[in-house]
Amino acid sequence: MRPKLSFVGAALIGALSLIALPSTADSSAVIDLTSQLKSAVDIEGLSAIEVGGIVIIRGKTTDPAMAQRAGVAAQQLGYARVANLVQVVTPPDDAAIARAAERRLAMHRALDGCHLRVESNNGVVTVAGKVTQQLQQDIAVGLVRQIDGVRGVRSDLSMDRPN
């Protein structure tokens, strides 16, 4: 009689475990809406996903109206619940970035004797000129990258062999 009882017990446990398992609905599915919002807004690093009926929007812009427009665009797609996490950042001050870069480059001893020029356009800094060693080029780019407000660094440095 024991084998019959254990079979019934195993069947009962199996049935209860099926009932207790939560059904996995599509509410946890992630839907990427980025391409649909990109046509409506110009936001750097835009990411828009829908999870469980909530649209989550991320990115950066200097225009508060553009950030708000992203939320409105998601609502126009038919979503009522929108988490607009777009960061509104201050635009980079190119003149201040260029001054800071020139100051840092001029003060670094490893760059003595180098002839460097610096330009900044919307936070992207271009370092141009002549260096005598590859290490100097790496140092110059690394120093400029550390400056607040710098979004990118381009190197137009050339090697000038000393005579």
C-alpha atoms as a PDB file:
ATOM      1  CA  MET A   1       0.000   0.000   0.000  1.00  0.00           C
ATOM      2  CA  ARG A   2       2.938   2.323   0.483  1.00  0.00           C
ATOM      3  CA  PRO A   3       3.900   2.497  -3.247  1.00  0.00           C
ATOM      4  CA  LYS A   4       0.354   3.555  -4.180  1.00  0.00           C
ATOM      5  CA  LEU A   5       0.348   6.255  -1.493  1.00  0.00           C
ATOM      6  CA  SER A   6       3.681   7.718  -2.614  1.00  0.00           C
ATOM      7  CA  PHE A   7       2.460   7.812  -6.242  1.00  0.00           C
ATOM      8  CA  VAL A   8      -0.669   9.701  -5.201  1.00  0.00           C
ATOM      9  CA  GLY A   9       1.410  12.007  -3.016  1.00  0.00           C
ATOM     10  CA  ALA A  10       3.794  12.759  -5.888  1.00  0.00           C
ATOM     11  CA  ALA A  11       0.863  13.470  -8.214  1.00  0.00           C
ATOM     12  CA  LEU A  12      -0.692  15.779  -5.621  1.00  0.00           C
ATOM     13  CA  ILE A  13       2.564  17.689  -5.128  1.00  0.00           C
ATOM     14  CA  GLY A  14       3.009  18.024  -8.896  1.00  0.00           C
ATOM     15  CA  ALA A  15      -0.514  19.383  -9.325  1.00  0.00           C
ATOM     16  CA  LEU A  16      -0.093  21.879  -6.495  1.00  0.00           C
ATOM     17  CA  SER A  17       3.216  23.127  -7.883  1.00  0.00           C
ATOM     18  CA  LEU A  18       1.610  23.829 -11.268  1.00  0.00           C
ATOM     19  CA  ILE A  19      -1.161  25.804  -9.610  1.00  0.00           C
ATOM     20  CA  ALA A  20       1.274  27.752  -7.437  1.00  0.00           C
ATOM     21  CA  LEU A  21       3.526  28.813 -10.330  1.00  0.00           C
ATOM     22  CA  PRO A  22       2.726  32.339 -11.434  1.00  0.00           C
ATOM     23  CA  SER A  23       1.858  32.649 -15.064  1.00  0.00           C
ATOM     24  CA  THR A  24       4.429  34.644 -16.981  1.00  0.00           C
ATOM     25  CA  ALA A  25       2.546  37.331 -18.832  1.00  0.00           C
ATOM     26  CA  ASP A  26       3.913  39.650 -21.461  1.00  0.00           C
ATOM     27  CA  SER A  27       3.878  42.457 -18.899  1.00  0.00           C
ATOM     28  CA  SER A  28       7.563  41.797 -18.232  1.00  0.00           C
ATOM     29  CA  ALA A  29       8.482  41.923 -21.928  1.00  0.00           C
ATOM     30  CA  VAL A  30      10.684  44.846 -22.912  1.00  0.00           C
ATOM     31  CA  ILE A  31       9.760  46.739 -26.074  1.00  0.00           C
ATOM     32  CA  ASP A  32      12.282  49.137 -27.626  1.00  0.00           C
ATOM     33  CA  LEU A  33      10.593  52.366 -28.741  1.00  0.00           C
ATOM     34  CA  THR A  34      13.770  54.332 -29.434  1.00  0.00           C
ATOM     35  CA  SER A  35      13.415  54.361 -33.218  1.00  0.00           C
ATOM     36  CA  GLN A  36       9.837  55.647 -32.979  1.00  0.00           C
ATOM     37  CA  LEU A  37      10.851  58.575 -30.752  1.00  0.00           C
ATOM     38  CA  LYS A  38      14.057  59.482 -32.621  1.00  0.00           C
ATOM     39  CA  SER A  39      12.021  60.932 -35.464  1.00  0.00           C
ATOM     40  CA  ALA A  40      10.193  63.236 -33.043  1.00  0.00           C
ATOM     41  CA  VAL A  41      13.054  64.468 -30.840  1.00  0.00           C
ATOM     42  CA  ASP A  42      16.775  65.218 -31.060  1.00  0.00           C
ATOM     43  CA  ILE A  43      18.200  63.867 -27.795  1.00  0.00           C
ATOM     44  CA  GLU A  44      21.753  62.632 -27.349  1.00  0.00           C
ATOM     45  CA  GLY A  45      21.931  58.971 -26.298  1.00  0.00           C
ATOM     46  CA  LEU A  46      18.165  58.531 -26.575  1.00  0.00           C
ATOM     47  CA  SER A  47      16.813  55.276 -25.166  1.00  0.00           C
ATOM     48  CA  ALA A  48      13.095  54.561 -24.898  1.00  0.00           C
ATOM     49  CA  ILE A  49      11.751  51.227 -23.682  1.00  0.00           C
ATOM     50  CA  GLU A  50       8.345  50.019 -22.550  1.00  0.00           C
ATOM     51  CA  VAL A  51       8.198  47.662 -19.584  1.00  0.00           C
ATOM     52  CA  GLY A  52       4.884  46.603 -18.109  1.00  0.00           C
ATOM     53  CA  GLY A  53       2.947  49.433 -19.712  1.00  0.00           C
ATOM     54  CA  ILE A  54       5.405  52.127 -18.573  1.00  0.00           C
ATOM     55  CA  VAL A  55       7.633  53.924 -21.087  1.00  0.00           C
ATOM     56  CA  ILE A  56      11.069  54.822 -19.716  1.00  0.00           C
ATOM     57  CA  ILE A  57      12.898  57.548 -21.651  1.00  0.00           C
ATOM     58  CA  ARG A  58      16.584  58.335 -21.059  1.00  0.00           C
ATOM     59  CA  GLY A  59      19.100  60.631 -22.721  1.00  0.00           C
ATOM     60  CA  LYS A  60      20.658  64.095 -22.521  1.00  0.00           C
ATOM     61  CA  THR A  61      19.735  67.430 -24.047  1.00  0.00           C
ATOM     62  CA  THR A  62      20.470  71.095 -23.477  1.00  0.00           C
ATOM     63  CA  ASP A  63      16.882  72.074 -24.342  1.00  0.00           C
ATOM     64  CA  PRO A  64      14.211  71.565 -21.626  1.00  0.00           C
ATOM     65  CA  ALA A  65      11.457  71.796 -24.262  1.00  0.00           C
ATOM     66  CA  MET A  66      13.054  68.910 -26.175  1.00  0.00           C
ATOM     67  CA  ALA A  67      13.017  66.771 -23.020  1.00  0.00           C
ATOM     68  CA  GLN A  68       9.336  67.544 -22.505  1.00  0.00           C
ATOM     69  CA  ARG A  69       8.598  66.830 -26.173  1.00  0.00           C
ATOM     70  CA  ALA A  70       9.964  63.287 -25.695  1.00  0.00           C
ATOM     71  CA  GLY A  71       7.338  62.569 -23.037  1.00  0.00           C
ATOM     72  CA  VAL A  72       4.573  64.022 -25.174  1.00  0.00           C
ATOM     73  CA  ALA A  73       5.702  61.935 -28.161  1.00  0.00           C
ATOM     74  CA  ALA A  74       5.483  58.761 -26.039  1.00  0.00           C
ATOM     75  CA  GLN A  75       1.960  59.713 -24.962  1.00  0.00           C
ATOM     76  CA  GLN A  76       1.002  60.302 -28.594  1.00  0.00           C
ATOM     77  CA  LEU A  77       2.072  56.722 -29.288  1.00  0.00           C
ATOM     78  CA  GLY A  78      -0.716  55.695 -26.903  1.00  0.00           C
ATOM     79  CA  TYR A  79       1.177  55.235 -23.637  1.00  0.00           C
ATOM     80  CA  ALA A  80      -0.401  56.862 -20.599  1.00  0.00           C
ATOM     81  CA  ARG A  81       2.386  56.085 -18.116  1.00  0.00           C
ATOM     82  CA  VAL A  82       5.696  57.712 -19.058  1.00  0.00           C
ATOM     83  CA  ALA A  83       8.834  58.024 -16.920  1.00  0.00           C
ATOM     84  CA  ASN A  84      10.754  60.833 -18.594  1.00  0.00           C
ATOM     85  CA  LEU A  85      14.303  60.586 -17.225  1.00  0.00           C
ATOM     86  CA  VAL A  86      15.911  62.789 -19.892  1.00  0.00           C
ATOM     87  CA  GLN A  87      18.653  64.907 -18.302  1.00  0.00           C
ATOM     88  CA  VAL A  88      18.739  68.596 -19.158  1.00  0.00           C
ATOM     89  CA  VAL A  89      22.392  69.613 -19.083  1.00  0.00           C
ATOM     90  CA  THR A  90      23.975  73.011 -19.485  1.00  0.00           C
ATOM     91  CA  PRO A  91      25.666  73.494 -22.848  1.00  0.00           C
ATOM     92  CA  PRO A  92      29.449  73.332 -22.744  1.00  0.00           C
ATOM     93  CA  ASP A  93      31.283  76.649 -22.468  1.00  0.00           C
ATOM     94  CA  ASP A  94      33.792  76.219 -25.290  1.00  0.00           C
ATOM     95  CA  ALA A  95      35.848  79.280 -24.371  1.00  0.00           C
ATOM     96  CA  ALA A  96      36.263  78.113 -20.765  1.00  0.00           C
ATOM     97  CA  ILE A  97      37.100  74.572 -21.896  1.00  0.00           C
ATOM     98  CA  ALA A  98      39.742  75.852 -24.332  1.00  0.00           C
ATOM     99  CA  ARG A  99      41.308  78.091 -21.644  1.00  0.00           C
ATOM    100  CA  ALA A 100      41.413  75.219 -19.139  1.00  0.00           C
ATOM    101  CA  ALA A 101      42.960  72.911 -21.738  1.00  0.00           C
ATOM    102  CA  GLU A 102      45.620  75.457 -22.706  1.00  0.00           C
ATOM    103  CA  ARG A 103      46.449  76.056 -19.042  1.00  0.00           C
ATOM    104  CA  ARG A 104      46.767  72.336 -18.239  1.00  0.00           C
ATOM    105  CA  LEU A 105      48.883  71.616 -21.287  1.00  0.00           C
ATOM    106  CA  ALA A 106      51.185  74.582 -20.608  1.00  0.00           C
ATOM    107  CA  MET A 107      51.719  73.551 -16.974  1.00  0.00           C
ATOM    108  CA  HIS A 108      52.596  69.905 -17.619  1.00  0.00           C
ATOM    109  CA  ARG A 109      56.392  69.439 -17.612  1.00  0.00           C
ATOM    110  CA  ALA A 110      56.344  66.454 -19.989  1.00  0.00           C
ATOM    111  CA  LEU A 111      54.979  68.765 -22.700  1.00  0.00           C
ATOM    112  CA  ASP A 112      57.781  71.355 -22.483  1.00  0.00           C
ATOM    113  CA  GLY A 113      58.957  72.255 -25.984  1.00  0.00           C
ATOM    114  CA  CYS A 114      55.738  71.108 -27.668  1.00  0.00           C
ATOM    115  CA  HIS A 115      53.845  73.542 -29.850  1.00  0.00           C
ATOM    116  CA  LEU A 116      50.145  72.907 -29.194  1.00  0.00           C
ATOM    117  CA  ARG A 117      46.903  74.597 -30.229  1.00  0.00           C
ATOM    118  CA  VAL A 118      43.494  73.907 -28.694  1.00  0.00           C
ATOM    119  CA  GLU A 119      39.990  74.432 -30.092  1.00  0.00           C
ATOM    120  CA  SER A 120      36.679  73.463 -28.552  1.00  0.00           C
ATOM    121  CA  ASN A 121      33.413  73.070 -30.450  1.00  0.00           C
ATOM    122  CA  ASN A 122      30.331  72.025 -28.462  1.00  0.00           C
ATOM    123  CA  GLY A 123      32.534  70.291 -25.898  1.00  0.00           C
ATOM    124  CA  VAL A 124      34.610  68.365 -28.445  1.00  0.00           C
ATOM    125  CA  VAL A 125      38.219  69.512 -28.075  1.00  0.00           C
ATOM    126  CA  THR A 126      40.768  69.343 -30.876  1.00  0.00           C
ATOM    127  CA  VAL A 127      44.409  69.327 -29.829  1.00  0.00           C
ATOM    128  CA  ALA A 128      46.733  70.170 -32.722  1.00  0.00           C
ATOM    129  CA  GLY A 129      50.408  70.899 -33.109  1.00  0.00           C
ATOM    130  CA  LYS A 130      53.729  69.131 -32.858  1.00  0.00           C
ATOM    131  CA  VAL A 131      55.143  66.753 -30.248  1.00  0.00           C
ATOM    132  CA  THR A 132      58.498  64.983 -30.175  1.00  0.00           C
ATOM    133  CA  GLN A 133      57.352  61.675 -28.644  1.00  0.00           C
ATOM    134  CA  GLN A 134      54.267  59.464 -28.771  1.00  0.00           C
ATOM    135  CA  LEU A 135      54.070  59.660 -24.965  1.00  0.00           C
ATOM    136  CA  GLN A 136      53.579  63.431 -25.195  1.00  0.00           C
ATOM    137  CA  GLN A 137      50.634  62.928 -27.521  1.00  0.00           C
ATOM    138  CA  ASP A 138      49.054  60.472 -25.063  1.00  0.00           C
ATOM    139  CA  ILE A 139      49.638  62.836 -22.132  1.00  0.00           C
ATOM    140  CA  ALA A 140      48.118  65.813 -23.974  1.00  0.00           C
ATOM    141  CA  VAL A 141      44.972  63.899 -24.936  1.00  0.00           C
ATOM    142  CA  GLY A 142      44.650  62.429 -21.428  1.00  0.00           C
ATOM    143  CA  LEU A 143      44.964  65.832 -19.747  1.00  0.00           C
ATOM    144  CA  VAL A 144      42.299  67.390 -21.945  1.00  0.00           C
ATOM    145  CA  ARG A 145      39.927  64.444 -21.449  1.00  0.00           C
ATOM    146  CA  GLN A 146      39.877  65.138 -17.683  1.00  0.00           C
ATOM    147  CA  ILE A 147      38.508  68.677 -18.038  1.00  0.00           C
ATOM    148  CA  ASP A 148      34.906  69.239 -16.947  1.00  0.00           C
ATOM    149  CA  GLY A 149      32.551  69.741 -19.874  1.00  0.00           C
ATOM    150  CA  VAL A 150      34.717  67.886 -22.407  1.00  0.00           C
ATOM    151  CA  ARG A 151      32.575  65.447 -24.390  1.00  0.00           C
ATOM    152  CA  GLY A 152      35.342  64.174 -26.657  1.00  0.00           C
ATOM    153  CA  VAL A 153      38.932  64.779 -27.734  1.00  0.00           C
ATOM    154  CA  ARG A 154      40.361  64.752 -31.269  1.00  0.00           C
ATOM    155  CA  SER A 155      44.088  64.602 -31.751  1.00  0.00           C
ATOM    156  CA  ASP A 156      45.641  66.350 -34.741  1.00  0.00           C
ATOM    157  CA  LEU A 157      49.132  66.089 -33.264  1.00  0.00           C
ATOM    158  CA  SER A 158      52.087  65.236 -35.471  1.00  0.00           C
ATOM    159  CA  MET A 159      55.502  63.939 -34.548  1.00  0.00           C
ATOM    160  CA  ASP A 160      58.336  66.441 -34.936  1.00  0.00           C
ATOM    161  CA  ARG A 161      61.725  64.788 -34.518  1.00  0.00           C
ATOM    162  CA  PRO A 162      64.239  67.019 -32.704  1.00  0.00           C
ATOM    163  CA  ASN A 163      67.332  67.981 -34.699  1.00  0.00           C
END
